[in-house]
Amino acid sequence: MYDENIETTTSNSTDPLLGLDNVISWVAVENRLPDELETVWISNGKGWTTLGCIIYADGGCHWAETNGVIYQEDGKIVSECESDDLDVKFWYRLPEPPCL
């Protein structure tokens, strides 16, 4: 489900290393975080993108990336993620899977 109230990140930067002109509709982690364990696209904004989720533990949070197992559960696309402390700068919600 698309949430129109999510703040999105846009930039007029022309720095080719950052590629920020391409992050329209992606959410900057400094603006908002996804729900815990919600599978989302994650990116460092420098050419690395994968599926992952955020995990809260030990009074803090860290990002985990997919281990490649992706499936549908309770009307959502989900992925098994392995704990890792990733340098995530942006995230993007997955679409709802098609109904058959």
PDB file of N, CA and C in Angstrom:
ATOM      1  N   MET A   1       0.842  -1.168   0.000  1.00  0.00           N
ATOM      2  CA  MET A   1       0.000   0.000   0.000  1.00  0.00           C
ATOM      3  C   MET A   1       0.893   1.238   0.000  1.00  0.00           C
ATOM      4  N   TYR A   2       0.583   2.203  -0.844  1.00  0.00           N
ATOM      5  CA  TYR A   2       1.349   3.430  -0.950  1.00  0.00           C
ATOM      6  C   TYR A   2       0.860   4.429   0.087  1.00  0.00           C
ATOM      7  N   ASP A   3       1.756   5.004   0.832  1.00  0.00           N
ATOM      8  CA  ASP A   3       1.416   5.970   1.870  1.00  0.00           C
ATOM      9  C   ASP A   3       1.785   7.361   1.376  1.00  0.00           C
ATOM     10  N   GLU A   4       0.788   8.173   1.049  1.00  0.00           N
ATOM     11  CA  GLU A   4       1.041   9.513   0.523  1.00  0.00           C
ATOM     12  C   GLU A   4       1.653  10.443   1.551  1.00  0.00           C
ATOM     13  N   ASN A   5       1.628  10.066   2.824  1.00  0.00           N
ATOM     14  CA  ASN A   5       2.164  10.924   3.871  1.00  0.00           C
ATOM     15  C   ASN A   5       3.656  10.717   4.110  1.00  0.00           C
ATOM     16  N   ILE A   6       4.262   9.762   3.421  1.00  0.00           N
ATOM     17  CA  ILE A   6       5.691   9.530   3.604  1.00  0.00           C
ATOM     18  C   ILE A   6       6.461  10.666   2.957  1.00  0.00           C
ATOM     19  N   GLU A   7       7.434  11.201   3.704  1.00  0.00           N
ATOM     20  CA  GLU A   7       8.279  12.231   3.143  1.00  0.00           C
ATOM     21  C   GLU A   7       9.219  11.584   2.142  1.00  0.00           C
ATOM     22  N   THR A   8       9.354  12.209   0.981  1.00  0.00           N
ATOM     23  CA  THR A   8      10.263  11.680  -0.023  1.00  0.00           C
ATOM     24  C   THR A   8      11.444  12.619  -0.166  1.00  0.00           C
ATOM     25  N   THR A   9      12.478  12.120  -0.760  1.00  0.00           N
ATOM     26  CA  THR A   9      13.702  12.883  -0.919  1.00  0.00           C
ATOM     27  C   THR A   9      13.898  13.207  -2.383  1.00  0.00           C
ATOM     28  N   THR A  10      14.152  14.468  -2.653  1.00  0.00           N
ATOM     29  CA  THR A  10      14.502  14.873  -4.001  1.00  0.00           C
ATOM     30  C   THR A  10      15.723  15.772  -3.896  1.00  0.00           C
ATOM     31  N   SER A  11      16.412  15.918  -4.994  1.00  0.00           N
ATOM     32  CA  SER A  11      17.611  16.728  -4.982  1.00  0.00           C
ATOM     33  C   SER A  11      17.831  17.323  -6.352  1.00  0.00           C
ATOM     34  N   ASN A  12      18.430  18.490  -6.362  1.00  0.00           N
ATOM     35  CA  ASN A  12      18.827  19.109  -7.614  1.00  0.00           C
ATOM     36  C   ASN A  12      20.323  18.930  -7.836  1.00  0.00           C
ATOM     37  N   SER A  13      20.962  18.106  -7.030  1.00  0.00           N
ATOM     38  CA  SER A  13      22.392  17.864  -7.129  1.00  0.00           C
ATOM     39  C   SER A  13      22.731  17.264  -8.479  1.00  0.00           C
ATOM     40  N   THR A  14      23.837  17.699  -9.039  1.00  0.00           N
ATOM     41  CA  THR A  14      24.295  17.123 -10.298  1.00  0.00           C
ATOM     42  C   THR A  14      25.563  16.306 -10.079  1.00  0.00           C
ATOM     43  N   ASP A  15      25.900  16.016  -8.848  1.00  0.00           N
ATOM     44  CA  ASP A  15      27.082  15.223  -8.533  1.00  0.00           C
ATOM     45  C   ASP A  15      26.880  13.799  -9.035  1.00  0.00           C
ATOM     46  N   PRO A  16      27.623  13.378 -10.081  1.00  0.00           N
ATOM     47  CA  PRO A  16      27.407  12.041 -10.650  1.00  0.00           C
ATOM     48  C   PRO A  16      27.769  10.920  -9.686  1.00  0.00           C
ATOM     49  N   LEU A  17      28.596  11.179  -8.690  1.00  0.00           N
ATOM     50  CA  LEU A  17      28.958  10.136  -7.736  1.00  0.00           C
ATOM     51  C   LEU A  17      27.808   9.835  -6.789  1.00  0.00           C
ATOM     52  N   LEU A  18      27.023  10.844  -6.478  1.00  0.00           N
ATOM     53  CA  LEU A  18      25.903  10.636  -5.567  1.00  0.00           C
ATOM     54  C   LEU A  18      24.656  10.191  -6.302  1.00  0.00           C
ATOM     55  N   GLY A  19      24.461  10.619  -7.529  1.00  0.00           N
ATOM     56  CA  GLY A  19      23.300  10.213  -8.310  1.00  0.00           C
ATOM     57  C   GLY A  19      21.990  10.598  -7.646  1.00  0.00           C
ATOM     58  N   LEU A  20      21.960  11.698  -6.927  1.00  0.00           N
ATOM     59  CA  LEU A  20      20.782  12.055  -6.150  1.00  0.00           C
ATOM     60  C   LEU A  20      19.585  12.450  -7.003  1.00  0.00           C
ATOM     61  N   ASP A  21      19.786  12.757  -8.269  1.00  0.00           N
ATOM     62  CA  ASP A  21      18.648  13.082  -9.126  1.00  0.00           C
ATOM     63  C   ASP A  21      17.729  11.881  -9.307  1.00  0.00           C
ATOM     64  N   ASN A  22      18.221  10.686  -8.996  1.00  0.00           N
ATOM     65  CA  ASN A  22      17.445   9.466  -9.198  1.00  0.00           C
ATOM     66  C   ASN A  22      16.763   8.963  -7.938  1.00  0.00           C
ATOM     67  N   VAL A  23      16.769   9.720  -6.860  1.00  0.00           N
ATOM     68  CA  VAL A  23      16.187   9.214  -5.621  1.00  0.00           C
ATOM     69  C   VAL A  23      14.794   9.779  -5.339  1.00  0.00           C
ATOM     70  N   ILE A  24      14.159  10.373  -6.353  1.00  0.00           N
ATOM     71  CA  ILE A  24      12.803  10.856  -6.161  1.00  0.00           C
ATOM     72  C   ILE A  24      11.923   9.679  -5.757  1.00  0.00           C
ATOM     73  N   SER A  25      11.134   9.843  -4.732  1.00  0.00           N
ATOM     74  CA  SER A  25      10.234   8.850  -4.160  1.00  0.00           C
ATOM     75  C   SER A  25      10.934   7.894  -3.198  1.00  0.00           C
ATOM     76  N   TRP A  26      12.231   7.909  -3.121  1.00  0.00           N
ATOM     77  CA  TRP A  26      12.933   7.139  -2.106  1.00  0.00           C
ATOM     78  C   TRP A  26      12.912   7.979  -0.830  1.00  0.00           C
ATOM     79  N   VAL A  27      12.902   7.322   0.313  1.00  0.00           N
ATOM     80  CA  VAL A  27      12.853   8.015   1.590  1.00  0.00           C
ATOM     81  C   VAL A  27      14.254   8.020   2.193  1.00  0.00           C
ATOM     82  N   ALA A  28      14.724   9.181   2.584  1.00  0.00           N
ATOM     83  CA  ALA A  28      16.022   9.282   3.246  1.00  0.00           C
ATOM     84  C   ALA A  28      15.874   8.756   4.675  1.00  0.00           C
ATOM     85  N   VAL A  29      16.839   7.954   5.122  1.00  0.00           N
ATOM     86  CA  VAL A  29      16.740   7.385   6.468  1.00  0.00           C
ATOM     87  C   VAL A  29      16.757   8.471   7.540  1.00  0.00           C
ATOM     88  N   GLU A  30      17.301   9.625   7.219  1.00  0.00           N
ATOM     89  CA  GLU A  30      17.301  10.724   8.183  1.00  0.00           C
ATOM     90  C   GLU A  30      15.901  11.338   8.349  1.00  0.00           C
ATOM     91  N   ASN A  31      15.001  11.094   7.380  1.00  0.00           N
ATOM     92  CA  ASN A  31      13.642  11.621   7.455  1.00  0.00           C
ATOM     93  C   ASN A  31      12.660  10.658   8.103  1.00  0.00           C
ATOM     94  N   ARG A  32      12.812   9.378   7.809  1.00  0.00           N
ATOM     95  CA  ARG A  32      11.868   8.382   8.329  1.00  0.00           C
ATOM     96  C   ARG A  32      12.426   6.984   8.097  1.00  0.00           C
ATOM     97  N   LEU A  33      12.085   6.066   8.974  1.00  0.00           N
ATOM     98  CA  LEU A  33      12.498   4.671   8.837  1.00  0.00           C
ATOM     99  C   LEU A  33      11.277   3.797   8.582  1.00  0.00           C
ATOM    100  N   PRO A  34      11.468   2.666   7.906  1.00  0.00           N
ATOM    101  CA  PRO A  34      10.344   1.744   7.703  1.00  0.00           C
ATOM    102  C   PRO A  34      10.018   1.030   9.012  1.00  0.00           C
ATOM    103  N   ASP A  35       8.918   0.304   9.025  1.00  0.00           N
ATOM    104  CA  ASP A  35       8.579  -0.507  10.184  1.00  0.00           C
ATOM    105  C   ASP A  35       9.630  -1.590  10.375  1.00  0.00           C
ATOM    106  N   GLU A  36       9.820  -1.998  11.613  1.00  0.00           N
ATOM    107  CA  GLU A  36      10.782  -3.059  11.896  1.00  0.00           C
ATOM    108  C   GLU A  36      10.405  -4.329  11.124  1.00  0.00           C
ATOM    109  N   LEU A  37      11.391  -4.953  10.514  1.00  0.00           N
ATOM    110  CA  LEU A  37      11.285  -6.189   9.742  1.00  0.00           C
ATOM    111  C   LEU A  37      10.475  -6.057   8.452  1.00  0.00           C
ATOM    112  N   GLU A  38      10.061  -4.856   8.077  1.00  0.00           N
ATOM    113  CA  GLU A  38       9.366  -4.646   6.802  1.00  0.00           C
ATOM    114  C   GLU A  38      10.387  -4.747   5.670  1.00  0.00           C
ATOM    115  N   THR A  39      10.164  -5.636   4.724  1.00  0.00           N
ATOM    116  CA  THR A  39      11.072  -5.772   3.592  1.00  0.00           C
ATOM    117  C   THR A  39      10.899  -4.577   2.666  1.00  0.00           C
ATOM    118  N   VAL A  40      11.998  -3.881   2.397  1.00  0.00           N
ATOM    119  CA  VAL A  40      12.000  -2.689   1.542  1.00  0.00           C
ATOM    120  C   VAL A  40      13.247  -2.726   0.662  1.00  0.00           C
ATOM    121  N   TRP A  41      13.227  -1.932  -0.408  1.00  0.00           N
ATOM    122  CA  TRP A  41      14.452  -1.713  -1.164  1.00  0.00           C
ATOM    123  C   TRP A  41      15.337  -0.819  -0.315  1.00  0.00           C
ATOM    124  N   ILE A  42      16.620  -1.099  -0.249  1.00  0.00           N
ATOM    125  CA  ILE A  42      17.560  -0.242   0.479  1.00  0.00           C
ATOM    126  C   ILE A  42      18.719   0.117  -0.440  1.00  0.00           C
ATOM    127  N   SER A  43      19.285   1.300  -0.226  1.00  0.00           N
ATOM    128  CA  SER A  43      20.375   1.767  -1.081  1.00  0.00           C
ATOM    129  C   SER A  43      21.301   2.691  -0.300  1.00  0.00           C
ATOM    130  N   ASN A  44      22.563   2.690  -0.688  1.00  0.00           N
ATOM    131  CA  ASN A  44      23.495   3.660  -0.108  1.00  0.00           C
ATOM    132  C   ASN A  44      23.544   4.932  -0.948  1.00  0.00           C
ATOM    133  N   GLY A  45      22.814   4.971  -2.063  1.00  0.00           N
ATOM    134  CA  GLY A  45      22.789   6.142  -2.930  1.00  0.00           C
ATOM    135  C   GLY A  45      24.013   6.274  -3.802  1.00  0.00           C
ATOM    136  N   LYS A  46      24.861   5.245  -3.806  1.00  0.00           N
ATOM    137  CA  LYS A  46      26.107   5.300  -4.579  1.00  0.00           C
ATOM    138  C   LYS A  46      26.232   4.099  -5.517  1.00  0.00           C
ATOM    139  N   GLY A  47      25.082   3.510  -5.925  1.00  0.00           N
ATOM    140  CA  GLY A  47      25.117   2.414  -6.875  1.00  0.00           C
ATOM    141  C   GLY A  47      24.858   1.042  -6.281  1.00  0.00           C
ATOM    142  N   TRP A  48      24.688   0.941  -4.993  1.00  0.00           N
ATOM    143  CA  TRP A  48      24.392  -0.340  -4.344  1.00  0.00           C
ATOM    144  C   TRP A  48      22.944  -0.328  -3.893  1.00  0.00           C
ATOM    145  N   THR A  49      22.144  -1.318  -4.336  1.00  0.00           N
ATOM    146  CA  THR A  49      20.737  -1.436  -3.975  1.00  0.00           C
ATOM    147  C   THR A  49      20.401  -2.905  -3.799  1.00  0.00           C
ATOM    148  N   THR A  50      19.612  -3.223  -2.768  1.00  0.00           N
ATOM    149  CA  THR A  50      19.174  -4.586  -2.520  1.00  0.00           C
ATOM    150  C   THR A  50      17.909  -4.552  -1.676  1.00  0.00           C
ATOM    151  N   LEU A  51      17.327  -5.696  -1.435  1.00  0.00           N
ATOM    152  CA  LEU A  51      16.220  -5.785  -0.490  1.00  0.00           C
ATOM    153  C   LEU A  51      16.793  -5.948   0.912  1.00  0.00           C
ATOM    154  N   GLY A  52      16.086  -5.417   1.890  1.00  0.00           N
ATOM    155  CA  GLY A  52      16.526  -5.553   3.264  1.00  0.00           C
ATOM    156  C   GLY A  52      15.464  -5.090   4.228  1.00  0.00           C
ATOM    157  N   CYS A  53      15.839  -5.018   5.489  1.00  0.00           N
ATOM    158  CA  CYS A  53      14.920  -4.536   6.521  1.00  0.00           C
ATOM    159  C   CYS A  53      15.728  -3.931   7.655  1.00  0.00           C
ATOM    160  N   ILE A  54      15.040  -3.243   8.532  1.00  0.00           N
ATOM    161  CA  ILE A  54      15.688  -2.656   9.699  1.00  0.00           C
ATOM    162  C   ILE A  54      15.325  -3.494  10.922  1.00  0.00           C
ATOM    163  N   ILE A  55      16.286  -3.664  11.798  1.00  0.00           N
ATOM    164  CA  ILE A  55      16.112  -4.477  13.001  1.00  0.00           C
ATOM    165  C   ILE A  55      16.479  -3.635  14.215  1.00  0.00           C
ATOM    166  N   TYR A  56      15.608  -3.645  15.214  1.00  0.00           N
ATOM    167  CA  TYR A  56      15.888  -2.929  16.459  1.00  0.00           C
ATOM    168  C   TYR A  56      16.349  -3.937  17.504  1.00  0.00           C
ATOM    169  N   ALA A  57      17.512  -3.689  18.088  1.00  0.00           N
ATOM    170  CA  ALA A  57      18.048  -4.588  19.113  1.00  0.00           C
ATOM    171  C   ALA A  57      19.075  -3.836  19.955  1.00  0.00           C
ATOM    172  N   ASP A  58      19.181  -4.235  21.192  1.00  0.00           N
ATOM    173  CA  ASP A  58      20.189  -3.675  22.100  1.00  0.00           C
ATOM    174  C   ASP A  58      20.145  -2.148  22.162  1.00  0.00           C
ATOM    175  N   GLY A  59      18.944  -1.582  22.160  1.00  0.00           N
ATOM    176  CA  GLY A  59      18.794  -0.140  22.299  1.00  0.00           C
ATOM    177  C   GLY A  59      19.090   0.659  21.044  1.00  0.00           C
ATOM    178  N   GLY A  60      19.310  -0.001  19.927  1.00  0.00           N
ATOM    179  CA  GLY A  60      19.601   0.693  18.682  1.00  0.00           C
ATOM    180  C   GLY A  60      18.982  -0.046  17.517  1.00  0.00           C
ATOM    181  N   CYS A  61      19.395   0.333  16.327  1.00  0.00           N
ATOM    182  CA  CYS A  61      18.886  -0.359  15.145  1.00  0.00           C
ATOM    183  C   CYS A  61      20.016  -0.543  14.152  1.00  0.00           C
ATOM    184  N   HIS A  62      19.848  -1.540  13.290  1.00  0.00           N
ATOM    185  CA  HIS A  62      20.781  -1.749  12.200  1.00  0.00           C
ATOM    186  C   HIS A  62      20.033  -2.364  11.025  1.00  0.00           C
ATOM    187  N   TRP A  63      20.638  -2.289   9.860  1.00  0.00           N
ATOM    188  CA  TRP A  63      20.039  -2.787   8.636  1.00  0.00           C
ATOM    189  C   TRP A  63      20.529  -4.187   8.335  1.00  0.00           C
ATOM    190  N   ALA A  64      19.653  -5.016   7.796  1.00  0.00           N
ATOM    191  CA  ALA A  64      19.992  -6.373   7.362  1.00  0.00           C
ATOM    192  C   ALA A  64      19.625  -6.494   5.894  1.00  0.00           C
ATOM    193  N   GLU A  65      20.420  -7.264   5.143  1.00  0.00           N
ATOM    194  CA  GLU A  65      20.124  -7.429   3.721  1.00  0.00           C
ATOM    195  C   GLU A  65      19.610  -8.829   3.424  1.00  0.00           C
ATOM    196  N   THR A  66      18.896  -8.950   2.326  1.00  0.00           N
ATOM    197  CA  THR A  66      18.290 -10.217   1.942  1.00  0.00           C
ATOM    198  C   THR A  66      19.332 -11.308   1.760  1.00  0.00           C
ATOM    199  N   ASN A  67      18.933 -12.524   2.086  1.00  0.00           N
ATOM    200  CA  ASN A  67      19.802 -13.671   1.798  1.00  0.00           C
ATOM    201  C   ASN A  67      19.366 -14.337   0.492  1.00  0.00           C
ATOM    202  N   GLY A  68      18.426 -13.700  -0.222  1.00  0.00           N
ATOM    203  CA  GLY A  68      17.977 -14.199  -1.518  1.00  0.00           C
ATOM    204  C   GLY A  68      16.666 -14.963  -1.481  1.00  0.00           C
ATOM    205  N   VAL A  69      16.161 -15.258  -0.281  1.00  0.00           N
ATOM    206  CA  VAL A  69      14.888 -15.958  -0.149  1.00  0.00           C
ATOM    207  C   VAL A  69      13.779 -14.911  -0.097  1.00  0.00           C
ATOM    208  N   ILE A  70      12.957 -14.872  -1.146  1.00  0.00           N
ATOM    209  CA  ILE A  70      11.893 -13.870  -1.260  1.00  0.00           C
ATOM    210  C   ILE A  70      10.582 -14.609  -1.522  1.00  0.00           C
ATOM    211  N   TYR A  71       9.521 -14.232  -0.805  1.00  0.00           N
ATOM    212  CA  TYR A  71       8.246 -14.928  -0.956  1.00  0.00           C
ATOM    213  C   TYR A  71       7.099 -14.000  -0.554  1.00  0.00           C
ATOM    214  N   GLN A  72       5.872 -14.468  -0.690  1.00  0.00           N
ATOM    215  CA  GLN A  72       4.694 -13.703  -0.267  1.00  0.00           C
ATOM    216  C   GLN A  72       4.151 -14.296   1.024  1.00  0.00           C
ATOM    217  N   GLU A  73       3.756 -13.392   1.928  1.00  0.00           N
ATOM    218  CA  GLU A  73       3.175 -13.817   3.197  1.00  0.00           C
ATOM    219  C   GLU A  73       2.200 -12.743   3.666  1.00  0.00           C
ATOM    220  N   ASP A  74       0.992 -13.145   4.008  1.00  0.00           N
ATOM    221  CA  ASP A  74      -0.028 -12.212   4.500  1.00  0.00           C
ATOM    222  C   ASP A  74      -0.222 -11.014   3.569  1.00  0.00           C
ATOM    223  N   GLY A  75      -0.217 -11.272   2.260  1.00  0.00           N
ATOM    224  CA  GLY A  75      -0.463 -10.210   1.285  1.00  0.00           C
ATOM    225  C   GLY A  75       0.689  -9.249   1.082  1.00  0.00           C
ATOM    226  N   LYS A  76       1.900  -9.634   1.504  1.00  0.00           N
ATOM    227  CA  LYS A  76       3.066  -8.773   1.335  1.00  0.00           C
ATOM    228  C   LYS A  76       4.215  -9.567   0.730  1.00  0.00           C
ATOM    229  N   ILE A  77       5.103  -8.856   0.045  1.00  0.00           N
ATOM    230  CA  ILE A  77       6.347  -9.451  -0.422  1.00  0.00           C
ATOM    231  C   ILE A  77       7.340  -9.327   0.729  1.00  0.00           C
ATOM    232  N   VAL A  78       7.938 -10.445   1.112  1.00  0.00           N
ATOM    233  CA  VAL A  78       8.896 -10.433   2.218  1.00  0.00           C
ATOM    234  C   VAL A  78      10.168 -11.166   1.803  1.00  0.00           C
ATOM    235  N   SER A  79      11.211 -10.906   2.526  1.00  0.00           N
ATOM    236  CA  SER A  79      12.484 -11.564   2.276  1.00  0.00           C
ATOM    237  C   SER A  79      13.118 -11.942   3.593  1.00  0.00           C
ATOM    238  N   GLU A  80      13.770 -13.078   3.614  1.00  0.00           N
ATOM    239  CA  GLU A  80      14.575 -13.430   4.778  1.00  0.00           C
ATOM    240  C   GLU A  80      15.830 -12.571   4.713  1.00  0.00           C
ATOM    241  N   CYS A  81      16.170 -11.951   5.827  1.00  0.00           N
ATOM    242  CA  CYS A  81      17.323 -11.057   5.856  1.00  0.00           C
ATOM    243  C   CYS A  81      18.331 -11.535   6.892  1.00  0.00           C
ATOM    244  N   GLU A  82      19.593 -11.321   6.570  1.00  0.00           N
ATOM    245  CA  GLU A  82      20.666 -11.670   7.482  1.00  0.00           C
ATOM    246  C   GLU A  82      21.222 -10.399   8.090  1.00  0.00           C
ATOM    247  N   SER A  83      21.420 -10.445   9.376  1.00  0.00           N
ATOM    248  CA  SER A  83      21.867  -9.284  10.118  1.00  0.00           C
ATOM    249  C   SER A  83      23.222  -8.788   9.620  1.00  0.00           C
ATOM    250  N   ASP A  84      23.290  -7.513   9.403  1.00  0.00           N
ATOM    251  CA  ASP A  84      24.519  -6.874   8.964  1.00  0.00           C
ATOM    252  C   ASP A  84      24.348  -5.389   9.239  1.00  0.00           C
ATOM    253  N   ASP A  85      25.406  -4.704   9.519  1.00  0.00           N
ATOM    254  CA  ASP A  85      25.313  -3.273   9.749  1.00  0.00           C
ATOM    255  C   ASP A  85      25.698  -2.568   8.457  1.00  0.00           C
ATOM    256  N   LEU A  86      24.701  -2.211   7.667  1.00  0.00           N
ATOM    257  CA  LEU A  86      24.912  -1.639   6.348  1.00  0.00           C
ATOM    258  C   LEU A  86      24.814  -0.122   6.377  1.00  0.00           C
ATOM    259  N   ASP A  87      25.469   0.528   5.435  1.00  0.00           N
ATOM    260  CA  ASP A  87      25.431   1.983   5.311  1.00  0.00           C
ATOM    261  C   ASP A  87      24.278   2.373   4.394  1.00  0.00           C
ATOM    262  N   VAL A  88      23.066   2.298   4.907  1.00  0.00           N
ATOM    263  CA  VAL A  88      21.869   2.591   4.122  1.00  0.00           C
ATOM    264  C   VAL A  88      21.512   4.067   4.270  1.00  0.00           C
ATOM    265  N   LYS A  89      21.308   4.723   3.147  1.00  0.00           N
ATOM    266  CA  LYS A  89      20.937   6.146   3.138  1.00  0.00           C
ATOM    267  C   LYS A  89      19.491   6.373   2.699  1.00  0.00           C
ATOM    268  N   PHE A  90      18.952   5.424   1.881  1.00  0.00           N
ATOM    269  CA  PHE A  90      17.601   5.564   1.339  1.00  0.00           C
ATOM    270  C   PHE A  90      16.882   4.225   1.365  1.00  0.00           C
ATOM    271  N   TRP A  91      15.552   4.271   1.434  1.00  0.00           N
ATOM    272  CA  TRP A  91      14.741   3.055   1.358  1.00  0.00           C
ATOM    273  C   TRP A  91      13.479   3.365   0.568  1.00  0.00           C
ATOM    274  N   TYR A  92      12.851   2.277   0.060  1.00  0.00           N
ATOM    275  CA  TYR A  92      11.671   2.421  -0.789  1.00  0.00           C
ATOM    276  C   TYR A  92      10.743   1.237  -0.538  1.00  0.00           C
ATOM    277  N   ARG A  93       9.475   1.510  -0.265  1.00  0.00           N
ATOM    278  CA  ARG A  93       8.510   0.431   0.014  1.00  0.00           C
ATOM    279  C   ARG A  93       8.272  -0.434  -1.210  1.00  0.00           C
ATOM    280  N   LEU A  94       8.069  -1.722  -0.972  1.00  0.00           N
ATOM    281  CA  LEU A  94       7.733  -2.645  -2.047  1.00  0.00           C
ATOM    282  C   LEU A  94       6.256  -2.517  -2.402  1.00  0.00           C
ATOM    283  N   PRO A  95       5.904  -2.825  -3.639  1.00  0.00           N
ATOM    284  CA  PRO A  95       4.480  -2.817  -4.002  1.00  0.00           C
ATOM    285  C   PRO A  95       3.780  -4.025  -3.405  1.00  0.00           C
ATOM    286  N   GLU A  96       2.468  -3.971  -3.377  1.00  0.00           N
ATOM    287  CA  GLU A  96       1.696  -5.143  -2.977  1.00  0.00           C
ATOM    288  C   GLU A  96       1.792  -6.160  -4.113  1.00  0.00           C
ATOM    289  N   PRO A  97       1.836  -7.450  -3.771  1.00  0.00           N
ATOM    290  CA  PRO A  97       1.881  -8.461  -4.837  1.00  0.00           C
ATOM    291  C   PRO A  97       0.556  -8.505  -5.581  1.00  0.00           C
ATOM    292  N   PRO A  98       0.567  -8.975  -6.826  1.00  0.00           N
ATOM    293  CA  PRO A  98      -0.685  -9.078  -7.573  1.00  0.00           C
ATOM    294  C   PRO A  98      -1.605 -10.123  -6.962  1.00  0.00           C
ATOM    295  N   CYS A  99      -2.884  -9.897  -7.080  1.00  0.00           N
ATOM    296  CA  CYS A  99      -3.877 -10.858  -6.578  1.00  0.00           C
ATOM    297  C   CYS A  99      -4.264 -11.792  -7.710  1.00  0.00           C
ATOM    298  N   LEU A 100      -4.355 -13.069  -7.428  1.00  0.00           N
ATOM    299  CA  LEU A 100      -4.762 -14.037  -8.448  1.00  0.00           C
ATOM    300  C   LEU A 100      -6.079 -14.651  -8.079  1.00  0.00           C
TER     301      LEU A 100
END
